[in-house]
Amino acid sequence: MGKYNKAGKVPEKQRIKPTKLPMTIGKLELIIKINELPNDVQTNKDNWKSFELDCDGRVVSVSVKPKIWKKLEDAAANYPMWVAAIGGKMGESTVNGFVLLDPSIQVFEKKPKEPKPEAE
């Protein structure tokens, strides 16, 4: 029978395996939006603030420098309505979610929408 086995198939070691093209490289960045200060905030020995956010059932653990945390405190104190965009990279998995690496925060004052004038 030569190259073929009893079933008439080419043996595994003689099959030509298709080559995979190299995958396109991407960068995963996350943005989490909040509009109130986190509740349970821990402060470590270096004065960094650590808190957790519930994002659609996944718990995201965030640790930020005091300077970044101050942006959130200033927004809560100075703006009646605000939104913060917390950006970063997905880090190691935790039991309920993951750790956010290299977090950065941008805070924006949110203006109330003007009511549309009624048609006469």
N, C-alpha and C. Protein backbone atom coordinates (compact mmCIF):
# COMPACT_ATOMS: atom_id res chain seq x y z
N MET A 1 0.81 -1.20 0.00
CA MET A 1 0.00 0.00 0.00
C MET A 1 0.85 1.26 0.00
N GLY A 2 2.07 1.20 0.40
CA GLY A 2 2.98 2.33 0.34
C GLY A 2 2.68 3.41 1.34
N LYS A 3 2.32 4.61 0.84
CA LYS A 3 2.12 5.80 1.69
C LYS A 3 0.84 5.74 2.51
N TYR A 4 -0.13 4.97 2.09
CA TYR A 4 -1.44 5.01 2.72
C TYR A 4 -1.60 3.93 3.77
N ASN A 5 -2.42 4.20 4.79
CA ASN A 5 -2.70 3.19 5.79
C ASN A 5 -3.90 2.35 5.33
N LYS A 6 -4.36 1.44 6.17
CA LYS A 6 -5.45 0.54 5.79
C LYS A 6 -6.73 1.29 5.42
N ALA A 7 -6.99 2.45 6.03
CA ALA A 7 -8.20 3.21 5.74
C ALA A 7 -8.07 4.03 4.47
N GLY A 8 -6.91 4.03 3.84
CA GLY A 8 -6.71 4.78 2.61
C GLY A 8 -6.40 6.25 2.85
N LYS A 9 -6.01 6.61 4.06
CA LYS A 9 -5.71 8.00 4.38
C LYS A 9 -4.21 8.19 4.49
N VAL A 10 -3.77 9.40 4.24
CA VAL A 10 -2.36 9.73 4.40
C VAL A 10 -2.05 9.79 5.89
N PRO A 11 -0.98 9.14 6.35
CA PRO A 11 -0.63 9.20 7.78
C PRO A 11 -0.42 10.64 8.24
N GLU A 12 -0.71 10.89 9.50
CA GLU A 12 -0.64 12.23 10.10
C GLU A 12 0.71 12.89 9.88
N LYS A 13 1.79 12.17 10.07
CA LYS A 13 3.11 12.79 9.97
C LYS A 13 3.47 13.17 8.54
N GLN A 14 2.75 12.68 7.56
CA GLN A 14 3.04 13.01 6.17
C GLN A 14 2.11 14.08 5.61
N ARG A 15 1.11 14.46 6.37
CA ARG A 15 0.19 15.50 5.90
C ARG A 15 0.87 16.85 5.88
N ILE A 16 0.51 17.65 4.91
CA ILE A 16 1.03 19.01 4.84
C ILE A 16 0.12 19.89 5.68
N LYS A 17 0.69 20.54 6.66
CA LYS A 17 -0.11 21.40 7.53
C LYS A 17 -0.18 22.78 6.91
N PRO A 18 -1.40 23.35 6.86
CA PRO A 18 -1.50 24.71 6.30
C PRO A 18 -0.78 25.70 7.20
N THR A 19 -0.09 26.64 6.58
CA THR A 19 0.63 27.63 7.37
C THR A 19 -0.34 28.72 7.81
N LYS A 20 -0.16 29.17 9.02
CA LYS A 20 -0.98 30.27 9.53
C LYS A 20 -0.32 31.58 9.20
N LEU A 21 -1.10 32.52 8.75
CA LEU A 21 -0.58 33.86 8.53
C LEU A 21 -0.36 34.51 9.88
N PRO A 22 0.64 35.38 10.00
CA PRO A 22 0.83 36.05 11.29
C PRO A 22 -0.39 36.91 11.62
N MET A 23 -0.77 36.89 12.88
CA MET A 23 -1.94 37.66 13.31
C MET A 23 -1.62 39.14 13.32
N THR A 24 -2.63 39.93 13.06
CA THR A 24 -2.48 41.38 13.14
C THR A 24 -2.38 41.76 14.61
N ILE A 25 -1.46 42.61 14.93
CA ILE A 25 -1.24 43.05 16.31
C ILE A 25 -2.21 44.19 16.62
N GLY A 26 -2.86 44.11 17.76
CA GLY A 26 -3.77 45.16 18.20
C GLY A 26 -3.41 45.60 19.61
N LYS A 27 -4.02 46.67 20.04
CA LYS A 27 -3.80 47.20 21.38
C LYS A 27 -5.15 47.36 22.04
N LEU A 28 -5.34 46.71 23.17
CA LEU A 28 -6.60 46.76 23.89
C LEU A 28 -6.54 47.87 24.93
N GLU A 29 -7.39 48.87 24.76
CA GLU A 29 -7.49 49.95 25.73
C GLU A 29 -8.93 50.02 26.19
N LEU A 30 -9.12 50.31 27.46
CA LEU A 30 -10.45 50.37 28.04
C LEU A 30 -10.77 51.77 28.50
N ILE A 31 -12.03 52.15 28.39
CA ILE A 31 -12.51 53.43 28.94
C ILE A 31 -13.73 53.10 29.80
N ILE A 32 -13.66 53.51 31.05
CA ILE A 32 -14.78 53.33 31.98
C ILE A 32 -15.28 54.71 32.34
N LYS A 33 -16.59 54.93 32.23
CA LYS A 33 -17.15 56.24 32.56
C LYS A 33 -17.91 56.16 33.87
N ILE A 34 -17.65 57.14 34.74
CA ILE A 34 -18.36 57.23 36.02
C ILE A 34 -18.82 58.67 36.21
N ASN A 35 -19.85 58.86 37.05
CA ASN A 35 -20.33 60.22 37.31
C ASN A 35 -20.53 60.47 38.81
N GLU A 36 -19.90 59.64 39.63
CA GLU A 36 -19.90 59.87 41.08
C GLU A 36 -18.62 59.27 41.65
N LEU A 37 -18.21 59.78 42.80
CA LEU A 37 -17.00 59.27 43.45
C LEU A 37 -17.21 57.82 43.88
N PRO A 38 -16.20 56.98 43.73
CA PRO A 38 -16.31 55.60 44.23
C PRO A 38 -16.52 55.60 45.75
N ASN A 39 -17.25 54.58 46.22
CA ASN A 39 -17.62 54.51 47.63
C ASN A 39 -16.49 54.05 48.54
N ASP A 40 -16.06 52.83 48.39
CA ASP A 40 -15.09 52.21 49.30
C ASP A 40 -13.67 52.44 48.77
N VAL A 41 -13.05 53.52 49.20
CA VAL A 41 -11.71 53.88 48.71
C VAL A 41 -10.69 53.58 49.80
N GLN A 42 -9.65 52.84 49.44
CA GLN A 42 -8.57 52.49 50.36
C GLN A 42 -7.36 53.37 50.03
N THR A 43 -6.61 53.76 51.05
CA THR A 43 -5.37 54.53 50.85
C THR A 43 -4.20 53.69 51.34
N ASN A 44 -3.18 53.52 50.47
CA ASN A 44 -2.03 52.72 50.89
C ASN A 44 -0.96 53.61 51.49
N LYS A 45 0.19 53.03 51.84
CA LYS A 45 1.25 53.78 52.53
C LYS A 45 1.84 54.90 51.68
N ASP A 46 1.78 54.78 50.34
CA ASP A 46 2.29 55.83 49.45
C ASP A 46 1.23 56.86 49.09
N ASN A 47 0.07 56.77 49.76
CA ASN A 47 -1.06 57.68 49.58
C ASN A 47 -1.81 57.45 48.26
N TRP A 48 -1.55 56.30 47.59
CA TRP A 48 -2.31 55.95 46.40
C TRP A 48 -3.71 55.54 46.82
N LYS A 49 -4.69 55.80 45.97
CA LYS A 49 -6.08 55.45 46.25
C LYS A 49 -6.45 54.22 45.43
N SER A 50 -7.06 53.24 46.08
CA SER A 50 -7.51 52.02 45.42
C SER A 50 -9.02 51.90 45.62
N PHE A 51 -9.70 51.54 44.53
CA PHE A 51 -11.14 51.37 44.60
C PHE A 51 -11.58 50.37 43.54
N GLU A 52 -12.81 49.90 43.67
CA GLU A 52 -13.35 48.95 42.71
C GLU A 52 -14.59 49.54 42.06
N LEU A 53 -14.78 49.22 40.79
CA LEU A 53 -15.93 49.70 40.03
C LEU A 53 -16.70 48.50 39.50
N ASP A 54 -18.02 48.56 39.57
CA ASP A 54 -18.86 47.51 39.01
C ASP A 54 -19.21 47.92 37.59
N CYS A 55 -18.67 47.22 36.61
CA CYS A 55 -18.90 47.53 35.20
C CYS A 55 -19.68 46.39 34.57
N ASP A 56 -20.98 46.53 34.57
CA ASP A 56 -21.87 45.51 34.00
C ASP A 56 -21.61 44.13 34.61
N GLY A 57 -21.42 44.08 35.91
CA GLY A 57 -21.23 42.81 36.61
C GLY A 57 -19.79 42.37 36.74
N ARG A 58 -18.87 43.03 36.08
CA ARG A 58 -17.44 42.72 36.22
C ARG A 58 -16.83 43.76 37.14
N VAL A 59 -16.06 43.30 38.08
CA VAL A 59 -15.43 44.21 39.06
C VAL A 59 -14.05 44.60 38.53
N VAL A 60 -13.85 45.91 38.37
CA VAL A 60 -12.57 46.43 37.90
C VAL A 60 -11.86 47.09 39.08
N SER A 61 -10.66 46.62 39.39
CA SER A 61 -9.86 47.16 40.48
C SER A 61 -8.93 48.23 39.93
N VAL A 62 -8.98 49.42 40.55
CA VAL A 62 -8.20 50.57 40.07
C VAL A 62 -7.37 51.13 41.22
N SER A 63 -6.11 51.46 40.94
CA SER A 63 -5.24 52.16 41.89
C SER A 63 -4.64 53.36 41.18
N VAL A 64 -4.80 54.55 41.79
CA VAL A 64 -4.31 55.78 41.15
C VAL A 64 -3.47 56.60 42.12
N LYS A 65 -2.61 57.42 41.54
CA LYS A 65 -1.78 58.34 42.32
C LYS A 65 -2.67 59.41 42.94
N PRO A 66 -2.22 60.05 44.03
CA PRO A 66 -3.01 61.09 44.68
C PRO A 66 -3.39 62.22 43.72
N LYS A 67 -2.49 62.60 42.83
CA LYS A 67 -2.75 63.69 41.89
C LYS A 67 -3.93 63.36 40.96
N ILE A 68 -4.01 62.10 40.54
CA ILE A 68 -5.11 61.68 39.67
C ILE A 68 -6.41 61.62 40.46
N TRP A 69 -6.35 61.13 41.70
CA TRP A 69 -7.54 61.05 42.54
C TRP A 69 -8.12 62.45 42.80
N LYS A 70 -7.23 63.44 42.93
CA LYS A 70 -7.67 64.81 43.19
C LYS A 70 -8.56 65.33 42.07
N LYS A 71 -8.32 64.90 40.83
CA LYS A 71 -9.19 65.31 39.71
C LYS A 71 -10.64 64.90 39.97
N LEU A 72 -10.83 63.70 40.50
CA LEU A 72 -12.18 63.23 40.81
C LEU A 72 -12.79 64.03 41.95
N GLU A 73 -12.00 64.27 43.00
CA GLU A 73 -12.51 65.04 44.13
C GLU A 73 -12.87 66.46 43.71
N ASP A 74 -12.05 67.08 42.88
CA ASP A 74 -12.33 68.44 42.41
C ASP A 74 -13.61 68.48 41.58
N ALA A 75 -13.82 67.49 40.76
CA ALA A 75 -15.04 67.43 39.94
C ALA A 75 -16.28 67.32 40.82
N ALA A 76 -16.21 66.46 41.84
CA ALA A 76 -17.35 66.28 42.74
C ALA A 76 -17.64 67.56 43.52
N ALA A 77 -16.60 68.31 43.87
CA ALA A 77 -16.77 69.53 44.66
C ALA A 77 -17.20 70.72 43.81
N ASN A 78 -16.74 70.81 42.58
CA ASN A 78 -16.94 72.02 41.78
C ASN A 78 -18.03 71.94 40.71
N TYR A 79 -18.40 70.76 40.30
CA TYR A 79 -19.40 70.63 39.23
C TYR A 79 -20.67 69.96 39.77
N PRO A 80 -21.84 70.54 39.47
CA PRO A 80 -23.06 69.87 39.90
C PRO A 80 -23.27 68.55 39.15
N MET A 81 -22.86 68.52 37.88
CA MET A 81 -22.92 67.30 37.08
C MET A 81 -21.58 67.13 36.36
N TRP A 82 -21.02 65.93 36.39
CA TRP A 82 -19.74 65.68 35.76
C TRP A 82 -19.66 64.22 35.32
N VAL A 83 -18.71 63.94 34.46
CA VAL A 83 -18.43 62.57 34.05
C VAL A 83 -16.91 62.42 33.96
N ALA A 84 -16.42 61.28 34.41
CA ALA A 84 -14.99 60.99 34.34
C ALA A 84 -14.78 59.79 33.45
N ALA A 85 -13.80 59.89 32.58
CA ALA A 85 -13.40 58.78 31.72
C ALA A 85 -12.10 58.22 32.27
N ILE A 86 -12.17 56.98 32.76
CA ILE A 86 -10.99 56.31 33.31
C ILE A 86 -10.49 55.35 32.25
N GLY A 87 -9.30 55.62 31.74
CA GLY A 87 -8.72 54.78 30.69
C GLY A 87 -7.59 53.94 31.23
N GLY A 88 -7.33 52.83 30.56
CA GLY A 88 -6.23 51.97 30.96
C GLY A 88 -6.20 50.70 30.15
N LYS A 89 -5.35 49.78 30.60
CA LYS A 89 -5.19 48.49 29.93
C LYS A 89 -5.71 47.39 30.84
N MET A 90 -6.20 46.32 30.23
CA MET A 90 -6.69 45.19 31.01
C MET A 90 -5.50 44.45 31.60
N GLY A 91 -5.51 44.32 32.92
CA GLY A 91 -4.42 43.62 33.61
C GLY A 91 -4.83 42.22 33.99
N GLU A 92 -4.24 41.72 35.06
CA GLU A 92 -4.49 40.35 35.47
C GLU A 92 -5.94 40.15 35.90
N SER A 93 -6.42 38.94 35.69
CA SER A 93 -7.79 38.59 36.07
C SER A 93 -7.89 38.44 37.58
N THR A 94 -9.06 38.80 38.10
CA THR A 94 -9.38 38.57 39.51
C THR A 94 -10.57 37.62 39.55
N VAL A 95 -11.06 37.33 40.74
CA VAL A 95 -12.18 36.40 40.87
C VAL A 95 -13.41 36.91 40.11
N ASN A 96 -13.71 38.20 40.23
CA ASN A 96 -14.92 38.75 39.62
C ASN A 96 -14.67 39.67 38.44
N GLY A 97 -13.41 39.89 38.06
CA GLY A 97 -13.14 40.85 36.98
C GLY A 97 -11.67 40.91 36.65
N PHE A 98 -11.11 42.12 36.72
CA PHE A 98 -9.70 42.29 36.39
C PHE A 98 -9.16 43.57 37.00
N VAL A 99 -7.84 43.73 36.92
CA VAL A 99 -7.15 44.92 37.41
C VAL A 99 -6.92 45.85 36.22
N LEU A 100 -7.17 47.14 36.40
CA LEU A 100 -6.91 48.12 35.35
C LEU A 100 -5.48 48.64 35.51
N LEU A 101 -4.67 48.44 34.47
CA LEU A 101 -3.27 48.87 34.51
C LEU A 101 -3.12 50.27 33.92
N ASP A 102 -2.16 51.00 34.40
CA ASP A 102 -1.83 52.34 33.90
C ASP A 102 -3.06 53.24 33.77
N PRO A 103 -3.85 53.38 34.84
CA PRO A 103 -5.07 54.19 34.71
C PRO A 103 -4.78 55.68 34.56
N SER A 104 -5.59 56.32 33.76
CA SER A 104 -5.56 57.77 33.61
C SER A 104 -7.01 58.25 33.70
N ILE A 105 -7.18 59.49 34.14
CA ILE A 105 -8.54 60.00 34.33
C ILE A 105 -8.67 61.36 33.67
N GLN A 106 -9.75 61.52 32.91
CA GLN A 106 -10.14 62.82 32.37
C GLN A 106 -11.51 63.14 32.92
N VAL A 107 -11.69 64.35 33.40
CA VAL A 107 -12.97 64.76 33.99
C VAL A 107 -13.58 65.87 33.14
N PHE A 108 -14.88 65.75 32.91
CA PHE A 108 -15.60 66.74 32.11
C PHE A 108 -16.83 67.20 32.87
N GLU A 109 -17.04 68.52 32.83
CA GLU A 109 -18.28 69.05 33.40
C GLU A 109 -19.41 68.70 32.45
N LYS A 110 -20.52 68.27 33.01
CA LYS A 110 -21.67 67.89 32.19
C LYS A 110 -22.72 68.99 32.33
N LYS A 111 -23.12 69.54 31.21
CA LYS A 111 -24.12 70.61 31.21
C LYS A 111 -25.51 69.99 31.06
N PRO A 112 -26.48 70.48 31.83
CA PRO A 112 -27.83 69.98 31.65
C PRO A 112 -28.36 70.39 30.27
N LYS A 113 -29.12 69.49 29.67
CA LYS A 113 -29.65 69.77 28.34
C LYS A 113 -30.76 70.81 28.45
N GLU A 114 -30.75 71.72 27.48
CA GLU A 114 -31.80 72.74 27.42
C GLU A 114 -33.08 72.07 26.95
N PRO A 115 -34.20 72.38 27.61
CA PRO A 115 -35.46 71.80 27.13
C PRO A 115 -35.82 72.38 25.76
N LYS A 116 -36.35 71.51 24.91
CA LYS A 116 -36.73 71.97 23.57
C LYS A 116 -37.94 72.87 23.69
N PRO A 117 -37.95 73.97 22.93
CA PRO A 117 -39.13 74.84 22.97
C PRO A 117 -40.35 74.11 22.39
N GLU A 118 -41.47 74.35 23.04
CA GLU A 118 -42.69 73.66 22.60
C GLU A 118 -43.20 74.33 21.31
N ALA A 119 -43.75 73.52 20.44
CA ALA A 119 -44.31 74.03 19.18
C ALA A 119 -45.61 74.78 19.49
N GLU A 120 -45.78 75.93 18.84
CA GLU A 120 -46.97 76.73 19.12
C GLU A 120 -48.12 76.35 18.22
